[in-house]
């Protein structure tokens, strides 16, 4: 349902400029473009983009000998050492694996950073796409889904910590298997 919103004259002028840039037909369509652009830039996801998977059998999932292109995928489920990652995102799985490595090895600080092949710092840094994770005592740089899985699987295999993810490709141009569901595992003993 449409909602009326009051905006300043300056903001309306900016929307007019962006209307031309986006090639939109109306201010409303321009705001839709801006919203979609920001959502994609921030890596945010809408849950309604993903079909239900609760009634699927194991035969409905694609499994892979080599890792597929994970661009335009959304995680549906992730387990590290049998424990689920709540509200899974690719980056959270990597952070969860780093936490599992820290717990199983006792590595901390610089020692833990040296074990990682993603950007990490032992101080609080929240610029250049870093985010600080208090439970790790580290700032970790945001990475793509492909890089996140690569690092997660590498750590899982090295430290024999099992990880399993289930994901779905979004219905987007550039998705390797639009609408299909896949699973990946690593870290088997």
C-alpha atoms as a PDB file:
ATOM      1  CA  UNK A   1       0.000   0.000   0.000  1.00  0.00           C
ATOM      2  CA  UNK A   2       1.407   3.404  -0.935  1.00  0.00           C
ATOM      3  CA  UNK A   3       2.569   5.614   1.912  1.00  0.00           C
ATOM      4  CA  UNK A   4       2.855   9.400   1.769  1.00  0.00           C
ATOM      5  CA  UNK A   5       6.158  10.785   3.028  1.00  0.00           C
ATOM      6  CA  UNK A   6       7.230  14.412   3.334  1.00  0.00           C
ATOM      7  CA  UNK A   7      10.775  15.194   2.233  1.00  0.00           C
ATOM      8  CA  UNK A   8      12.732  18.412   2.011  1.00  0.00           C
ATOM      9  CA  UNK A   9      13.030  20.353  -1.245  1.00  0.00           C
ATOM     10  CA  UNK A  10      16.767  19.594  -1.370  1.00  0.00           C
ATOM     11  CA  UNK A  11      16.189  15.842  -1.032  1.00  0.00           C
ATOM     12  CA  UNK A  12      13.485  15.993  -3.722  1.00  0.00           C
ATOM     13  CA  UNK A  13      15.969  17.760  -6.033  1.00  0.00           C
ATOM     14  CA  UNK A  14      18.523  15.006  -5.334  1.00  0.00           C
ATOM     15  CA  UNK A  15      15.904  12.359  -6.148  1.00  0.00           C
ATOM     16  CA  UNK A  16      15.253  14.204  -9.434  1.00  0.00           C
ATOM     17  CA  UNK A  17      18.968  14.027 -10.280  1.00  0.00           C
ATOM     18  CA  UNK A  18      19.064  10.307  -9.387  1.00  0.00           C
ATOM     19  CA  UNK A  19      15.892   9.768 -11.435  1.00  0.00           C
ATOM     20  CA  UNK A  20      17.841  10.799 -14.531  1.00  0.00           C
ATOM     21  CA  UNK A  21      20.846   8.667 -13.549  1.00  0.00           C
ATOM     22  CA  UNK A  22      18.709   5.542 -12.989  1.00  0.00           C
ATOM     23  CA  UNK A  23      16.523   6.274 -16.022  1.00  0.00           C
ATOM     24  CA  UNK A  24      13.463   6.007 -13.795  1.00  0.00           C
ATOM     25  CA  UNK A  25      10.034   7.329 -14.760  1.00  0.00           C
ATOM     26  CA  UNK A  26       8.945   8.667 -11.373  1.00  0.00           C
ATOM     27  CA  UNK A  27      10.302   9.631  -7.941  1.00  0.00           C
ATOM     28  CA  UNK A  28       8.711   6.459  -6.556  1.00  0.00           C
ATOM     29  CA  UNK A  29      10.535   4.282  -9.086  1.00  0.00           C
ATOM     30  CA  UNK A  30      13.749   6.184  -8.298  1.00  0.00           C
ATOM     31  CA  UNK A  31      13.374   5.403  -4.588  1.00  0.00           C
ATOM     32  CA  UNK A  32      12.819   1.725  -5.507  1.00  0.00           C
ATOM     33  CA  UNK A  33      16.101   1.787  -7.486  1.00  0.00           C
ATOM     34  CA  UNK A  34      17.966   3.532  -4.650  1.00  0.00           C
ATOM     35  CA  UNK A  35      16.646   1.048  -2.099  1.00  0.00           C
ATOM     36  CA  UNK A  36      17.608  -1.962  -4.241  1.00  0.00           C
ATOM     37  CA  UNK A  37      21.050  -0.475  -4.925  1.00  0.00           C
ATOM     38  CA  UNK A  38      21.759   0.092  -1.219  1.00  0.00           C
ATOM     39  CA  UNK A  39      20.445  -3.368  -0.244  1.00  0.00           C
ATOM     40  CA  UNK A  40      22.793  -4.999  -2.765  1.00  0.00           C
ATOM     41  CA  UNK A  41      25.774  -2.820  -1.775  1.00  0.00           C
ATOM     42  CA  UNK A  42      25.304  -3.693   1.908  1.00  0.00           C
ATOM     43  CA  UNK A  43      24.832  -7.387   1.150  1.00  0.00           C
ATOM     44  CA  UNK A  44      21.415  -7.439   2.789  1.00  0.00           C
ATOM     45  CA  UNK A  45      18.944 -10.164   1.869  1.00  0.00           C
ATOM     46  CA  UNK A  46      15.203 -10.604   1.767  1.00  0.00           C
ATOM     47  CA  UNK A  47      14.014 -13.977   3.005  1.00  0.00           C
ATOM     48  CA  UNK A  48      11.121 -14.120   0.530  1.00  0.00           C
ATOM     49  CA  UNK A  49      13.616 -14.457  -2.363  1.00  0.00           C
ATOM     50  CA  UNK A  50      14.271 -18.048  -1.305  1.00  0.00           C
ATOM     51  CA  UNK A  51      11.932 -20.986  -1.928  1.00  0.00           C
ATOM     52  CA  UNK A  52      10.991 -23.241   0.980  1.00  0.00           C
ATOM     53  CA  UNK A  53      13.333 -26.161   1.621  1.00  0.00           C
ATOM     54  CA  UNK A  54      11.738 -27.873   4.615  1.00  0.00           C
ATOM     55  CA  UNK A  55       9.941 -30.479   2.509  1.00  0.00           C
ATOM     56  CA  UNK A  56      12.895 -31.365   0.264  1.00  0.00           C
ATOM     57  CA  UNK A  57      14.572 -34.766   0.310  1.00  0.00           C
ATOM     58  CA  UNK A  58      18.326 -35.307   0.050  1.00  0.00           C
ATOM     59  CA  UNK A  59      17.825 -36.065  -3.659  1.00  0.00           C
ATOM     60  CA  UNK A  60      16.603 -32.494  -4.215  1.00  0.00           C
ATOM     61  CA  UNK A  61      19.986 -30.988  -3.271  1.00  0.00           C
ATOM     62  CA  UNK A  62      22.869 -30.526  -5.669  1.00  0.00           C
ATOM     63  CA  UNK A  63      26.195 -31.774  -4.294  1.00  0.00           C
ATOM     64  CA  UNK A  64      29.544 -30.844  -5.780  1.00  0.00           C
ATOM     65  CA  UNK A  65      33.004 -32.345  -6.158  1.00  0.00           C
ATOM     66  CA  UNK A  66      34.402 -28.890  -6.907  1.00  0.00           C
ATOM     67  CA  UNK A  67      33.014 -25.733  -5.366  1.00  0.00           C
ATOM     68  CA  UNK A  68      30.566 -23.927  -7.671  1.00  0.00           C
ATOM     69  CA  UNK A  69      30.319 -20.175  -8.078  1.00  0.00           C
ATOM     70  CA  UNK A  70      28.465 -19.025  -4.955  1.00  0.00           C
ATOM     71  CA  UNK A  71      27.657 -15.553  -6.267  1.00  0.00           C
ATOM     72  CA  UNK A  72      23.953 -14.762  -5.780  1.00  0.00           C
ATOM     73  CA  UNK A  73      23.396 -17.494  -3.186  1.00  0.00           C
ATOM     74  CA  UNK A  74      21.597 -17.306   0.130  1.00  0.00           C
ATOM     75  CA  UNK A  75      22.401 -19.645   2.976  1.00  0.00           C
ATOM     76  CA  UNK A  76      19.430 -21.616   4.228  1.00  0.00           C
ATOM     77  CA  UNK A  77      21.228 -23.659   6.885  1.00  0.00           C
ATOM     78  CA  UNK A  78      24.748 -23.933   8.289  1.00  0.00           C
ATOM     79  CA  UNK A  79      26.186 -26.342  10.850  1.00  0.00           C
ATOM     80  CA  UNK A  80      29.645 -26.156  12.397  1.00  0.00           C
ATOM     81  CA  UNK A  81      30.625 -29.199  14.428  1.00  0.00           C
ATOM     82  CA  UNK A  82      26.944 -30.163  14.479  1.00  0.00           C
ATOM     83  CA  UNK A  83      25.814 -26.823  15.922  1.00  0.00           C
ATOM     84  CA  UNK A  84      23.557 -24.572  13.823  1.00  0.00           C
ATOM     85  CA  UNK A  85      24.490 -21.012  12.943  1.00  0.00           C
ATOM     86  CA  UNK A  86      21.440 -18.874  13.669  1.00  0.00           C
ATOM     87  CA  UNK A  87      20.342 -16.626  10.777  1.00  0.00           C
ATOM     88  CA  UNK A  88      23.206 -17.897   8.613  1.00  0.00           C
ATOM     89  CA  UNK A  89      25.112 -15.633   6.266  1.00  0.00           C
ATOM     90  CA  UNK A  90      28.328 -16.638   4.490  1.00  0.00           C
ATOM     91  CA  UNK A  91      30.409 -14.265   6.623  1.00  0.00           C
ATOM     92  CA  UNK A  92      28.858 -15.569   9.864  1.00  0.00           C
ATOM     93  CA  UNK A  93      29.851 -19.106   8.888  1.00  0.00           C
ATOM     94  CA  UNK A  94      33.459 -17.990   8.421  1.00  0.00           C
ATOM     95  CA  UNK A  95      33.406 -16.149  11.763  1.00  0.00           C
ATOM     96  CA  UNK A  96      31.825 -19.229  13.375  1.00  0.00           C
ATOM     97  CA  UNK A  97      34.594 -21.428  11.977  1.00  0.00           C
ATOM     98  CA  UNK A  98      37.259 -19.018  13.261  1.00  0.00           C
ATOM     99  CA  UNK A  99      35.597 -19.212  16.699  1.00  0.00           C
ATOM    100  CA  UNK A 100      35.612 -23.025  16.499  1.00  0.00           C
ATOM    101  CA  UNK A 101      39.319 -22.991  15.610  1.00  0.00           C
ATOM    102  CA  UNK A 102      40.012 -20.626  18.518  1.00  0.00           C
ATOM    103  CA  UNK A 103      38.104 -22.891  20.900  1.00  0.00           C
ATOM    104  CA  UNK A 104      39.687 -26.143  19.709  1.00  0.00           C
ATOM    105  CA  UNK A 105      43.280 -24.856  19.538  1.00  0.00           C
ATOM    106  CA  UNK A 106      43.412 -22.134  22.175  1.00  0.00           C
ATOM    107  CA  UNK A 107      44.950 -19.754  19.615  1.00  0.00           C
ATOM    108  CA  UNK A 108      44.314 -16.061  20.280  1.00  0.00           C
ATOM    109  CA  UNK A 109      45.377 -12.655  19.050  1.00  0.00           C
ATOM    110  CA  UNK A 110      48.278 -12.539  16.591  1.00  0.00           C
ATOM    111  CA  UNK A 111      48.625 -16.345  16.588  1.00  0.00           C
ATOM    112  CA  UNK A 112      45.023 -16.688  15.417  1.00  0.00           C
ATOM    113  CA  UNK A 113      45.403 -13.907  12.849  1.00  0.00           C
ATOM    114  CA  UNK A 114      48.439 -15.703  11.342  1.00  0.00           C
ATOM    115  CA  UNK A 115      46.258 -18.785  10.777  1.00  0.00           C
ATOM    116  CA  UNK A 116      43.772 -16.841   8.661  1.00  0.00           C
ATOM    117  CA  UNK A 117      43.816 -16.149   4.935  1.00  0.00           C
ATOM    118  CA  UNK A 118      41.270 -13.328   5.166  1.00  0.00           C
ATOM    119  CA  UNK A 119      41.870  -9.807   6.415  1.00  0.00           C
ATOM    120  CA  UNK A 120      42.045  -9.805  10.219  1.00  0.00           C
ATOM    121  CA  UNK A 121      43.376  -7.446  12.879  1.00  0.00           C
ATOM    122  CA  UNK A 122      43.789  -7.860  16.656  1.00  0.00           C
ATOM    123  CA  UNK A 123      42.342  -4.419  17.325  1.00  0.00           C
ATOM    124  CA  UNK A 124      38.912  -2.901  16.826  1.00  0.00           C
ATOM    125  CA  UNK A 125      38.660  -1.718  13.233  1.00  0.00           C
ATOM    126  CA  UNK A 126      35.362  -0.866  11.612  1.00  0.00           C
ATOM    127  CA  UNK A 127      36.471   0.759   8.378  1.00  0.00           C
ATOM    128  CA  UNK A 128      37.611  -0.691   5.049  1.00  0.00           C
ATOM    129  CA  UNK A 129      34.792  -3.283   5.394  1.00  0.00           C
ATOM    130  CA  UNK A 130      36.148  -4.671   8.689  1.00  0.00           C
ATOM    131  CA  UNK A 131      33.842  -5.597  11.538  1.00  0.00           C
ATOM    132  CA  UNK A 132      34.912  -6.216  15.103  1.00  0.00           C
ATOM    133  CA  UNK A 133      33.841  -9.523  16.696  1.00  0.00           C
ATOM    134  CA  UNK A 134      34.114  -9.211  20.470  1.00  0.00           C
ATOM    135  CA  UNK A 135      33.947 -12.995  21.030  1.00  0.00           C
ATOM    136  CA  UNK A 136      37.054 -13.423  18.875  1.00  0.00           C
ATOM    137  CA  UNK A 137      38.849 -10.267  19.972  1.00  0.00           C
ATOM    138  CA  UNK A 138      39.459  -9.667  16.252  1.00  0.00           C
ATOM    139  CA  UNK A 139      38.308  -7.442  13.435  1.00  0.00           C
ATOM    140  CA  UNK A 140      37.562  -9.486  10.321  1.00  0.00           C
ATOM    141  CA  UNK A 141      37.267  -8.014   6.833  1.00  0.00           C
ATOM    142  CA  UNK A 142      34.037  -8.728   4.958  1.00  0.00           C
ATOM    143  CA  UNK A 143      34.533 -11.118   2.037  1.00  0.00           C
ATOM    144  CA  UNK A 144      32.389 -12.495  -0.773  1.00  0.00           C
ATOM    145  CA  UNK A 145      30.461 -15.756  -0.499  1.00  0.00           C
ATOM    146  CA  UNK A 146      33.125 -17.534  -2.585  1.00  0.00           C
ATOM    147  CA  UNK A 147      35.993 -16.321  -0.388  1.00  0.00           C
ATOM    148  CA  UNK A 148      34.027 -16.964   2.808  1.00  0.00           C
ATOM    149  CA  UNK A 149      33.427 -20.614   1.856  1.00  0.00           C
ATOM    150  CA  UNK A 150      37.022 -21.077   0.689  1.00  0.00           C
ATOM    151  CA  UNK A 151      38.368 -19.898   4.062  1.00  0.00           C
ATOM    152  CA  UNK A 152      35.729 -21.808   6.032  1.00  0.00           C
ATOM    153  CA  UNK A 153      36.477 -25.055   4.188  1.00  0.00           C
ATOM    154  CA  UNK A 154      40.264 -24.559   4.480  1.00  0.00           C
ATOM    155  CA  UNK A 155      40.044 -24.091   8.246  1.00  0.00           C
ATOM    156  CA  UNK A 156      37.548 -26.963   8.587  1.00  0.00           C
ATOM    157  CA  UNK A 157      39.851 -29.352   6.721  1.00  0.00           C
ATOM    158  CA  UNK A 158      43.011 -28.194   8.502  1.00  0.00           C
ATOM    159  CA  UNK A 159      41.529 -28.495  12.005  1.00  0.00           C
ATOM    160  CA  UNK A 160      39.063 -31.328  11.249  1.00  0.00           C
ATOM    161  CA  UNK A 161      36.031 -29.358  12.307  1.00  0.00           C
ATOM    162  CA  UNK A 162      33.017 -30.520  10.270  1.00  0.00           C
ATOM    163  CA  UNK A 163      30.949 -27.893   8.505  1.00  0.00           C
ATOM    164  CA  UNK A 164      27.893 -28.301   6.291  1.00  0.00           C
ATOM    165  CA  UNK A 165      26.000 -25.557   4.493  1.00  0.00           C
ATOM    166  CA  UNK A 166      22.806 -25.629   2.466  1.00  0.00           C
ATOM    167  CA  UNK A 167      22.152 -22.718   0.128  1.00  0.00           C
ATOM    168  CA  UNK A 168      19.968 -21.646  -2.756  1.00  0.00           C
ATOM    169  CA  UNK A 169      20.857 -19.650  -5.839  1.00  0.00           C
ATOM    170  CA  UNK A 170      18.699 -16.598  -6.260  1.00  0.00           C
ATOM    171  CA  UNK A 171      16.771 -16.034  -9.460  1.00  0.00           C
ATOM    172  CA  UNK A 172      19.230 -13.412 -10.719  1.00  0.00           C
ATOM    173  CA  UNK A 173      21.321 -12.937 -13.836  1.00  0.00           C
ATOM    174  CA  UNK A 174      24.773 -14.368 -13.164  1.00  0.00           C
ATOM    175  CA  UNK A 175      23.596 -17.037 -10.721  1.00  0.00           C
ATOM    176  CA  UNK A 176      25.163 -20.373 -11.689  1.00  0.00           C
ATOM    177  CA  UNK A 177      22.047 -22.501 -11.001  1.00  0.00           C
ATOM    178  CA  UNK A 178      19.086 -20.101 -10.481  1.00  0.00           C
ATOM    179  CA  UNK A 179      16.495 -21.481  -8.065  1.00  0.00           C
ATOM    180  CA  UNK A 180      18.489 -24.645  -7.293  1.00  0.00           C
ATOM    181  CA  UNK A 181      19.547 -25.725  -3.816  1.00  0.00           C
ATOM    182  CA  UNK A 182      23.037 -26.996  -3.065  1.00  0.00           C
ATOM    183  CA  UNK A 183      25.056 -28.353  -0.167  1.00  0.00           C
ATOM    184  CA  UNK A 184      28.749 -28.177   0.618  1.00  0.00           C
ATOM    185  CA  UNK A 185      30.665 -29.965   3.348  1.00  0.00           C
ATOM    186  CA  UNK A 186      34.221 -29.820   4.663  1.00  0.00           C
ATOM    187  CA  UNK A 187      36.237 -30.867   7.659  1.00  0.00           C
ATOM    188  CA  UNK A 188      35.394 -34.544   7.741  1.00  0.00           C
ATOM    189  CA  UNK A 189      37.726 -36.452  10.042  1.00  0.00           C
END
